[in-house]
């Protein structure tokens, strides 16, 4: 065991959805802690604005997670540059504000990115990890996959599916020294949630539903990701790590 259980220096870490919000905060955090980071998102120009981005320690890979080849594309670029994959933070996700919630296109578009894209990325990364002796995969789901979000069945279903995908993969890959876990964030202030946050009533309602009385900040997900990426969690696999300020535990 290293002296610092949470040490991720020199680990090769892929972060999908890294151009903004939670993905950006996590990618910047891993860079600050000495990791080599592969930042993936649909916008390469936004990726290159990430703080701490250095061509010697990070590469940007433009990829659309709805594309069938996206997982292989990101994996190939990582292996060509760094030679291995130690950690995958599988964070890329979309929601479609204003789209008809029960429309076929809304359902398919959301699941293509939030579940199928995550599956393909995890599968490609896991195959690479097998060749180098193991690693850690962290799926970023949501409390919407635990307590369903009204008016957004496709997002809730995708995030619930991602939680169970983690458990299924954890069971299959444990003997190959690959740990696979899920982080379930509550309400965090990101570009995706900005409209709700800027509505005083909705912001207050969601704040009051947490034990801590506030929304989360994206950088508050770095600690949980560092834990699951590092030797500090060497005997942890197949879990949901809920980071929601006490939303799901508050009850009545």
Protein backbone atom coordinates (compact mmCIF):
# COMPACT_ATOMS: atom_id res chain seq x y z
CA UNK A 1 0.00 0.00 0.00
CA UNK A 2 1.32 3.51 -0.76
CA UNK A 3 1.83 5.99 2.07
CA UNK A 4 -0.94 8.11 0.56
CA UNK A 5 -3.92 5.84 -0.05
CA UNK A 6 -5.57 8.49 -2.21
CA UNK A 7 -2.56 8.97 -4.50
CA UNK A 8 -3.49 9.07 -8.19
CA UNK A 9 -0.28 10.62 -9.49
CA UNK A 10 0.76 9.18 -12.85
CA UNK A 11 -2.47 7.20 -13.18
CA UNK A 12 -4.00 7.43 -16.65
CA UNK A 13 -7.57 8.64 -16.24
CA UNK A 14 -10.28 9.02 -18.88
CA UNK A 15 -13.05 11.52 -18.07
CA UNK A 16 -15.99 11.63 -20.47
CA UNK A 17 -18.21 14.69 -20.60
CA UNK A 18 -15.15 16.65 -19.48
CA UNK A 19 -15.81 20.02 -21.09
CA UNK A 20 -18.14 21.43 -18.43
CA UNK A 21 -19.90 20.86 -15.13
CA UNK A 22 -19.06 17.78 -13.10
CA UNK A 23 -16.78 16.31 -15.77
CA UNK A 24 -14.71 19.45 -16.02
CA UNK A 25 -14.34 19.80 -12.25
CA UNK A 26 -13.29 16.16 -11.92
CA UNK A 27 -10.85 16.35 -14.84
CA UNK A 28 -9.24 19.49 -13.43
CA UNK A 29 -9.03 17.82 -10.03
CA UNK A 30 -7.26 14.73 -11.35
CA UNK A 31 -4.81 16.94 -13.25
CA UNK A 32 -4.12 18.90 -10.06
CA UNK A 33 -3.41 15.63 -8.25
CA UNK A 34 -0.81 14.55 -10.79
CA UNK A 35 -2.77 12.19 -13.00
CA UNK A 36 -2.49 11.96 -16.76
CA UNK A 37 -5.93 12.75 -18.09
CA UNK A 38 -7.80 12.05 -21.30
CA UNK A 39 -10.60 14.59 -21.60
CA UNK A 40 -13.44 13.60 -23.87
CA UNK A 41 -16.51 15.54 -24.96
CA UNK A 42 -18.36 16.58 -28.08
CA UNK A 43 -16.63 20.00 -28.19
CA UNK A 44 -12.84 19.90 -28.49
CA UNK A 45 -12.59 23.70 -28.22
CA UNK A 46 -14.32 23.60 -24.84
CA UNK A 47 -12.08 20.75 -23.71
CA UNK A 48 -8.98 22.83 -24.33
CA UNK A 49 -10.29 25.52 -21.96
CA UNK A 50 -10.17 23.13 -19.02
CA UNK A 51 -7.93 24.48 -16.27
CA UNK A 52 -4.61 22.69 -15.85
CA UNK A 53 -4.72 21.32 -19.40
CA UNK A 54 -1.13 20.62 -20.45
CA UNK A 55 -0.26 18.76 -23.64
CA UNK A 56 2.36 16.72 -21.77
CA UNK A 57 -0.15 15.43 -19.24
CA UNK A 58 -3.49 15.61 -21.00
CA UNK A 59 -5.08 15.06 -24.37
CA UNK A 60 -8.48 16.10 -25.66
CA UNK A 61 -10.51 13.61 -27.67
CA UNK A 62 -13.63 14.83 -29.42
CA UNK A 63 -16.24 12.08 -29.29
CA UNK A 64 -20.02 11.85 -29.37
CA UNK A 65 -21.11 9.11 -26.97
CA UNK A 66 -24.14 8.34 -29.14
CA UNK A 67 -21.78 7.07 -31.85
CA UNK A 68 -21.26 3.31 -31.77
CA UNK A 69 -17.47 3.67 -32.11
CA UNK A 70 -17.02 6.35 -29.44
CA UNK A 71 -15.76 4.01 -26.71
CA UNK A 72 -13.22 2.39 -29.00
CA UNK A 73 -12.18 5.79 -30.36
CA UNK A 74 -11.41 7.19 -26.91
CA UNK A 75 -9.69 3.99 -25.82
CA UNK A 76 -7.47 3.91 -28.92
CA UNK A 77 -6.40 7.52 -28.44
CA UNK A 78 -5.59 6.86 -24.78
CA UNK A 79 -3.51 3.76 -25.49
CA UNK A 80 -1.66 5.46 -28.36
CA UNK A 81 -0.68 8.37 -26.10
CA UNK A 82 -0.23 6.85 -22.64
CA UNK A 83 -0.07 3.10 -23.24
CA UNK A 84 -2.64 2.07 -20.66
CA UNK A 85 -5.88 2.99 -18.87
CA UNK A 86 -6.00 2.97 -15.07
CA UNK A 87 -9.27 4.77 -14.41
CA UNK A 88 -12.44 5.61 -16.32
CA UNK A 89 -14.80 8.29 -15.02
CA UNK A 90 -17.83 7.53 -17.20
CA UNK A 91 -19.62 10.84 -16.82
CA UNK A 92 -21.01 11.93 -20.21
CA UNK A 93 -24.77 12.46 -20.15
CA UNK A 94 -27.51 14.55 -21.68
CA UNK A 95 -30.99 15.70 -20.84
CA UNK A 96 -33.42 17.25 -23.32
CA UNK A 97 -35.26 20.20 -21.75
CA UNK A 98 -38.57 20.87 -23.41
CA UNK A 99 -38.59 17.63 -25.38
CA UNK A 100 -41.81 15.58 -25.17
CA UNK A 101 -41.01 13.19 -22.31
CA UNK A 102 -42.81 10.19 -23.78
CA UNK A 103 -41.70 10.71 -27.36
CA UNK A 104 -39.75 7.85 -28.98
CA UNK A 105 -37.00 10.19 -30.14
CA UNK A 106 -36.52 11.62 -26.64
CA UNK A 107 -36.26 8.13 -25.20
CA UNK A 108 -33.85 6.83 -27.82
CA UNK A 109 -31.59 9.90 -27.90
CA UNK A 110 -31.26 9.94 -24.12
CA UNK A 111 -30.54 6.23 -23.78
CA UNK A 112 -28.09 6.27 -26.70
CA UNK A 113 -25.80 8.58 -24.70
CA UNK A 114 -26.63 7.97 -21.05
CA UNK A 115 -26.76 4.18 -21.11
CA UNK A 116 -25.63 2.67 -24.41
CA UNK A 117 -22.75 5.12 -24.79
CA UNK A 118 -21.68 4.50 -21.20
CA UNK A 119 -21.83 0.73 -21.77
CA UNK A 120 -19.68 0.90 -24.90
CA UNK A 121 -17.14 3.15 -23.18
CA UNK A 122 -16.92 0.90 -20.12
CA UNK A 123 -16.60 -2.22 -22.26
CA UNK A 124 -13.73 -0.78 -24.30
CA UNK A 125 -11.91 0.53 -21.22
CA UNK A 126 -12.37 -2.74 -19.33
CA UNK A 127 -10.91 -4.72 -22.23
CA UNK A 128 -7.83 -2.49 -22.16
CA UNK A 129 -7.55 -2.77 -18.37
CA UNK A 130 -7.58 -6.56 -18.57
CA UNK A 131 -4.42 -6.39 -20.70
CA UNK A 132 -2.56 -4.26 -18.13
CA UNK A 133 -3.65 -6.00 -14.94
CA UNK A 134 -6.68 -4.09 -13.74
CA UNK A 135 -8.16 -0.69 -13.04
CA UNK A 136 -11.16 1.21 -11.76
CA UNK A 137 -14.33 2.27 -13.57
CA UNK A 138 -16.61 4.88 -12.02
CA UNK A 139 -20.02 5.38 -13.60
CA UNK A 140 -21.64 8.72 -12.81
CA UNK A 141 -25.35 7.98 -12.47
CA UNK A 142 -27.81 10.11 -10.48
CA UNK A 143 -30.26 9.98 -7.62
CA UNK A 144 -32.80 10.12 -10.48
CA UNK A 145 -31.93 6.46 -10.94
CA UNK A 146 -32.93 5.80 -7.32
CA UNK A 147 -35.90 8.13 -6.83
CA UNK A 148 -37.38 8.73 -10.29
CA UNK A 149 -37.38 12.29 -11.64
CA UNK A 150 -40.90 13.49 -12.58
CA UNK A 151 -41.33 14.38 -16.23
CA UNK A 152 -38.12 12.76 -17.45
CA UNK A 153 -38.64 8.99 -17.70
CA UNK A 154 -35.81 8.41 -20.18
CA UNK A 155 -33.20 10.08 -17.95
CA UNK A 156 -34.38 8.25 -14.84
CA UNK A 157 -34.49 4.90 -16.64
CA UNK A 158 -31.02 5.40 -18.12
CA UNK A 159 -29.48 6.29 -14.78
CA UNK A 160 -31.19 3.34 -13.06
CA UNK A 161 -29.86 1.11 -15.82
CA UNK A 162 -26.37 2.51 -15.35
CA UNK A 163 -26.45 1.62 -11.66
CA UNK A 164 -27.30 -1.97 -12.46
CA UNK A 165 -24.82 -2.12 -15.32
CA UNK A 166 -22.13 -1.25 -12.78
CA UNK A 167 -23.14 -4.13 -10.54
CA UNK A 168 -23.29 -6.60 -13.42
CA UNK A 169 -19.89 -5.55 -14.73
CA UNK A 170 -18.39 -5.52 -11.23
CA UNK A 171 -19.44 -9.14 -10.85
CA UNK A 172 -17.94 -10.11 -14.20
CA UNK A 173 -14.65 -8.24 -13.93
CA UNK A 174 -13.71 -8.59 -10.25
CA UNK A 175 -11.54 -11.64 -10.91
CA UNK A 176 -9.59 -9.55 -13.43
CA UNK A 177 -8.74 -6.91 -10.81
CA UNK A 178 -11.14 -4.32 -12.22
CA UNK A 179 -13.36 -2.53 -9.71
CA UNK A 180 -16.56 -0.98 -11.03
CA UNK A 181 -18.66 1.39 -8.94
CA UNK A 182 -21.30 4.08 -9.33
CA UNK A 183 -21.52 7.61 -7.98
CA UNK A 184 -25.07 8.96 -7.69
CA UNK A 185 -25.05 12.76 -7.45
CA UNK A 186 -28.00 14.74 -6.24
CA UNK A 187 -28.67 18.28 -7.43
CA UNK A 188 -25.45 20.02 -8.42
CA UNK A 189 -25.17 23.41 -10.08
CA UNK A 190 -24.05 22.72 -13.65
CA UNK A 191 -24.99 23.91 -17.12
CA UNK A 192 -27.51 21.06 -17.24
CA UNK A 193 -29.28 22.23 -14.07
CA UNK A 194 -28.80 26.00 -14.45
CA UNK A 195 -32.42 26.67 -15.46
CA UNK A 196 -33.74 24.98 -12.32
CA UNK A 197 -31.20 26.73 -10.12
CA UNK A 198 -32.06 30.14 -11.57
CA UNK A 199 -35.76 29.60 -10.75
CA UNK A 200 -35.95 30.75 -7.10
CA UNK A 201 -38.88 28.48 -6.25
CA UNK A 202 -37.35 25.34 -7.76
CA UNK A 203 -33.95 26.09 -6.26
CA UNK A 204 -35.48 26.54 -2.81
CA UNK A 205 -37.63 23.41 -3.09
CA UNK A 206 -34.67 21.25 -4.01
CA UNK A 207 -32.41 22.81 -1.40
CA UNK A 208 -34.99 22.21 1.32
CA UNK A 209 -35.25 18.55 0.38
CA UNK A 210 -31.60 17.96 1.32
CA UNK A 211 -30.36 17.57 4.88
CA UNK A 212 -27.67 20.15 4.15
CA UNK A 213 -30.09 22.74 2.77
CA UNK A 214 -28.19 23.51 -0.42
CA UNK A 215 -27.19 22.29 -3.87
CA UNK A 216 -23.85 20.61 -4.45
CA UNK A 217 -20.87 22.18 -6.19
CA UNK A 218 -19.24 20.18 -9.02
CA UNK A 219 -15.87 20.12 -7.25
CA UNK A 220 -17.50 18.29 -4.35
CA UNK A 221 -17.61 15.18 -6.53
CA UNK A 222 -13.82 15.11 -6.90
CA UNK A 223 -13.27 13.50 -3.48
CA UNK A 224 -15.61 10.57 -4.15
CA UNK A 225 -13.99 10.06 -7.56
CA UNK A 226 -10.48 10.14 -6.07
CA UNK A 227 -11.55 7.60 -3.47
CA UNK A 228 -12.95 5.16 -6.02
CA UNK A 229 -9.98 5.68 -8.37
CA UNK A 230 -7.31 5.12 -5.72
CA UNK A 231 -6.00 2.32 -3.52
CA UNK A 232 -8.14 3.74 -0.70
CA UNK A 233 -11.04 1.77 -2.22
CA UNK A 234 -9.08 -1.39 -3.09
CA UNK A 235 -11.79 -3.64 -1.56
CA UNK A 236 -14.76 -1.66 -2.89
CA UNK A 237 -16.67 -2.79 -5.97
CA UNK A 238 -20.29 -2.96 -7.11
CA UNK A 239 -21.52 -0.13 -4.87
CA UNK A 240 -23.60 3.02 -5.28
CA UNK A 241 -21.87 5.96 -3.61
CA UNK A 242 -24.63 8.53 -3.09
CA UNK A 243 -23.46 12.15 -3.00
CA UNK A 244 -26.65 14.16 -2.57
CA UNK A 245 -26.42 16.27 0.59
CA UNK A 246 -28.79 13.83 2.27
CA UNK A 247 -31.62 14.02 -0.29
CA UNK A 248 -32.37 10.31 -0.45
CA UNK A 249 -31.94 9.80 3.28
CA UNK A 250 -34.07 12.67 4.53
CA UNK A 251 -37.43 10.95 4.35
CA UNK A 252 -40.57 12.74 5.48
